[in-house]
Amino acid sequence: MLDTPDLSGRVAFVTGTTRPIGKALTPLLADCEATVVSSGKTTEADATALPGA
């Protein structure tokens, strides 16, 4: 198992959170205690929201 870095007190700005890479990266950063600011432009009704959004 990998050690997770402590990113508390840091802000991660993730673009493309409606796409697979950004959508996968966002919760990983949050699990490392980073404050995550996200942005995505897909607006289809079937686009699923990120947990906690």
N, C-alpha and C. Protein backbone atom coordinates (compact mmCIF):
# COMPACT_ATOMS: atom_id res chain seq x y z
N MET A 1 0.84 -1.19 0.00
CA MET A 1 0.00 0.00 0.00
C MET A 1 0.88 1.24 0.00
N LEU A 2 0.50 2.21 -0.77
CA LEU A 2 1.27 3.45 -0.86
C LEU A 2 0.90 4.40 0.27
N ASP A 3 1.89 5.14 0.73
CA ASP A 3 1.61 6.19 1.70
C ASP A 3 0.96 7.35 0.96
N THR A 4 -0.07 7.92 1.57
CA THR A 4 -0.71 9.07 0.95
C THR A 4 -0.10 10.34 1.51
N PRO A 5 0.19 11.30 0.66
CA PRO A 5 0.76 12.55 1.15
C PRO A 5 -0.27 13.34 1.94
N ASP A 6 0.22 14.11 2.90
CA ASP A 6 -0.66 15.00 3.66
C ASP A 6 -0.72 16.34 2.94
N LEU A 7 -1.84 16.62 2.33
CA LEU A 7 -2.00 17.87 1.58
C LEU A 7 -2.87 18.87 2.33
N SER A 8 -3.04 18.66 3.63
CA SER A 8 -3.86 19.60 4.41
C SER A 8 -3.24 20.99 4.34
N GLY A 9 -4.09 21.98 4.22
CA GLY A 9 -3.63 23.36 4.10
C GLY A 9 -3.28 23.74 2.67
N ARG A 10 -3.41 22.82 1.75
CA ARG A 10 -3.11 23.10 0.35
C ARG A 10 -4.40 23.10 -0.46
N VAL A 11 -4.39 23.83 -1.55
CA VAL A 11 -5.55 23.90 -2.44
C VAL A 11 -5.16 23.28 -3.78
N ALA A 12 -6.00 22.38 -4.26
CA ALA A 12 -5.79 21.78 -5.57
C ALA A 12 -6.92 22.25 -6.48
N PHE A 13 -6.56 22.86 -7.60
CA PHE A 13 -7.56 23.27 -8.59
C PHE A 13 -7.53 22.25 -9.72
N VAL A 14 -8.62 21.54 -9.90
CA VAL A 14 -8.69 20.47 -10.90
C VAL A 14 -9.65 20.89 -11.99
N THR A 15 -9.16 20.93 -13.22
CA THR A 15 -10.03 21.22 -14.36
C THR A 15 -10.46 19.91 -15.00
N GLY A 16 -11.54 19.95 -15.70
CA GLY A 16 -12.01 18.76 -16.40
C GLY A 16 -12.62 17.71 -15.49
N THR A 17 -13.29 18.14 -14.44
CA THR A 17 -13.83 17.17 -13.48
C THR A 17 -15.09 16.47 -13.96
N THR A 18 -15.57 16.81 -15.14
CA THR A 18 -16.68 16.06 -15.72
C THR A 18 -16.17 14.96 -16.65
N ARG A 19 -14.87 14.84 -16.77
CA ARG A 19 -14.24 13.82 -17.60
C ARG A 19 -13.52 12.81 -16.70
N PRO A 20 -13.19 11.64 -17.22
CA PRO A 20 -12.68 10.56 -16.37
C PRO A 20 -11.45 10.87 -15.53
N ILE A 21 -10.43 11.50 -16.08
CA ILE A 21 -9.21 11.73 -15.30
C ILE A 21 -9.46 12.72 -14.17
N GLY A 22 -10.05 13.86 -14.49
CA GLY A 22 -10.35 14.85 -13.45
C GLY A 22 -11.32 14.32 -12.41
N LYS A 23 -12.29 13.54 -12.87
CA LYS A 23 -13.29 12.98 -11.96
C LYS A 23 -12.66 11.96 -11.01
N ALA A 24 -11.66 11.22 -11.48
CA ALA A 24 -10.97 10.24 -10.63
C ALA A 24 -9.97 10.92 -9.70
N LEU A 25 -9.33 11.97 -10.16
CA LEU A 25 -8.30 12.65 -9.38
C LEU A 25 -8.87 13.45 -8.21
N THR A 26 -10.02 14.05 -8.40
CA THR A 26 -10.62 14.92 -7.39
C THR A 26 -10.82 14.23 -6.04
N PRO A 27 -11.47 13.06 -5.96
CA PRO A 27 -11.64 12.42 -4.65
C PRO A 27 -10.32 11.95 -4.04
N LEU A 28 -9.33 11.61 -4.89
CA LEU A 28 -8.03 11.21 -4.35
C LEU A 28 -7.36 12.37 -3.64
N LEU A 29 -7.44 13.55 -4.22
CA LEU A 29 -6.87 14.73 -3.58
C LEU A 29 -7.61 15.06 -2.29
N ALA A 30 -8.91 14.92 -2.30
CA ALA A 30 -9.70 15.16 -1.09
C ALA A 30 -9.34 14.16 0.00
N ASP A 31 -9.10 12.91 -0.37
CA ASP A 31 -8.69 11.89 0.60
C ASP A 31 -7.35 12.23 1.24
N CYS A 32 -6.53 13.01 0.54
CA CYS A 32 -5.23 13.45 1.07
C CYS A 32 -5.37 14.75 1.85
N GLU A 33 -6.61 15.15 2.14
CA GLU A 33 -6.93 16.34 2.95
C GLU A 33 -6.72 17.66 2.23
N ALA A 34 -6.59 17.66 0.91
CA ALA A 34 -6.48 18.92 0.17
C ALA A 34 -7.85 19.56 0.05
N THR A 35 -7.87 20.88 -0.01
CA THR A 35 -9.09 21.59 -0.37
C THR A 35 -9.15 21.56 -1.89
N VAL A 36 -10.23 21.03 -2.44
CA VAL A 36 -10.31 20.84 -3.88
C VAL A 36 -11.31 21.81 -4.49
N VAL A 37 -10.85 22.54 -5.48
CA VAL A 37 -11.70 23.42 -6.28
C VAL A 37 -11.75 22.79 -7.66
N SER A 38 -12.95 22.57 -8.17
CA SER A 38 -13.05 21.86 -9.44
C SER A 38 -13.83 22.65 -10.47
N SER A 39 -13.57 22.31 -11.72
CA SER A 39 -14.23 22.98 -12.83
C SER A 39 -14.41 21.98 -13.97
N GLY A 40 -15.58 22.04 -14.58
CA GLY A 40 -15.85 21.21 -15.74
C GLY A 40 -16.91 21.89 -16.58
N LYS A 41 -16.95 21.58 -17.87
CA LYS A 41 -17.90 22.29 -18.72
C LYS A 41 -19.00 21.41 -19.30
N THR A 42 -18.95 20.11 -19.09
CA THR A 42 -20.01 19.25 -19.61
C THR A 42 -21.30 19.53 -18.86
N THR A 43 -22.37 19.74 -19.60
CA THR A 43 -23.64 20.10 -18.95
C THR A 43 -24.77 19.15 -19.29
N GLU A 44 -24.49 18.01 -19.92
CA GLU A 44 -25.55 17.07 -20.24
C GLU A 44 -26.25 16.62 -18.96
N ALA A 45 -27.52 16.34 -19.07
CA ALA A 45 -28.30 15.91 -17.91
C ALA A 45 -27.81 14.60 -17.33
N ASP A 46 -27.15 13.77 -18.15
CA ASP A 46 -26.68 12.49 -17.65
C ASP A 46 -25.29 12.56 -17.03
N ALA A 47 -24.66 13.72 -17.02
CA ALA A 47 -23.35 13.84 -16.38
C ALA A 47 -23.52 13.69 -14.88
N THR A 48 -22.83 12.73 -14.31
CA THR A 48 -22.98 12.47 -12.88
C THR A 48 -22.14 13.44 -12.07
N ALA A 49 -22.67 13.83 -10.94
CA ALA A 49 -21.98 14.78 -10.07
C ALA A 49 -20.91 14.07 -9.26
N LEU A 50 -19.92 14.83 -8.84
CA LEU A 50 -18.91 14.30 -7.94
C LEU A 50 -19.50 14.17 -6.55
N PRO A 51 -19.09 13.17 -5.80
CA PRO A 51 -19.58 13.06 -4.42
C PRO A 51 -19.22 14.31 -3.63
N GLY A 52 -20.14 14.81 -2.88
CA GLY A 52 -19.89 15.99 -2.06
C GLY A 52 -20.02 17.30 -2.81
N ALA A 53 -20.32 17.24 -4.09
CA ALA A 53 -20.44 18.48 -4.87
C ALA A 53 -21.76 19.16 -4.59
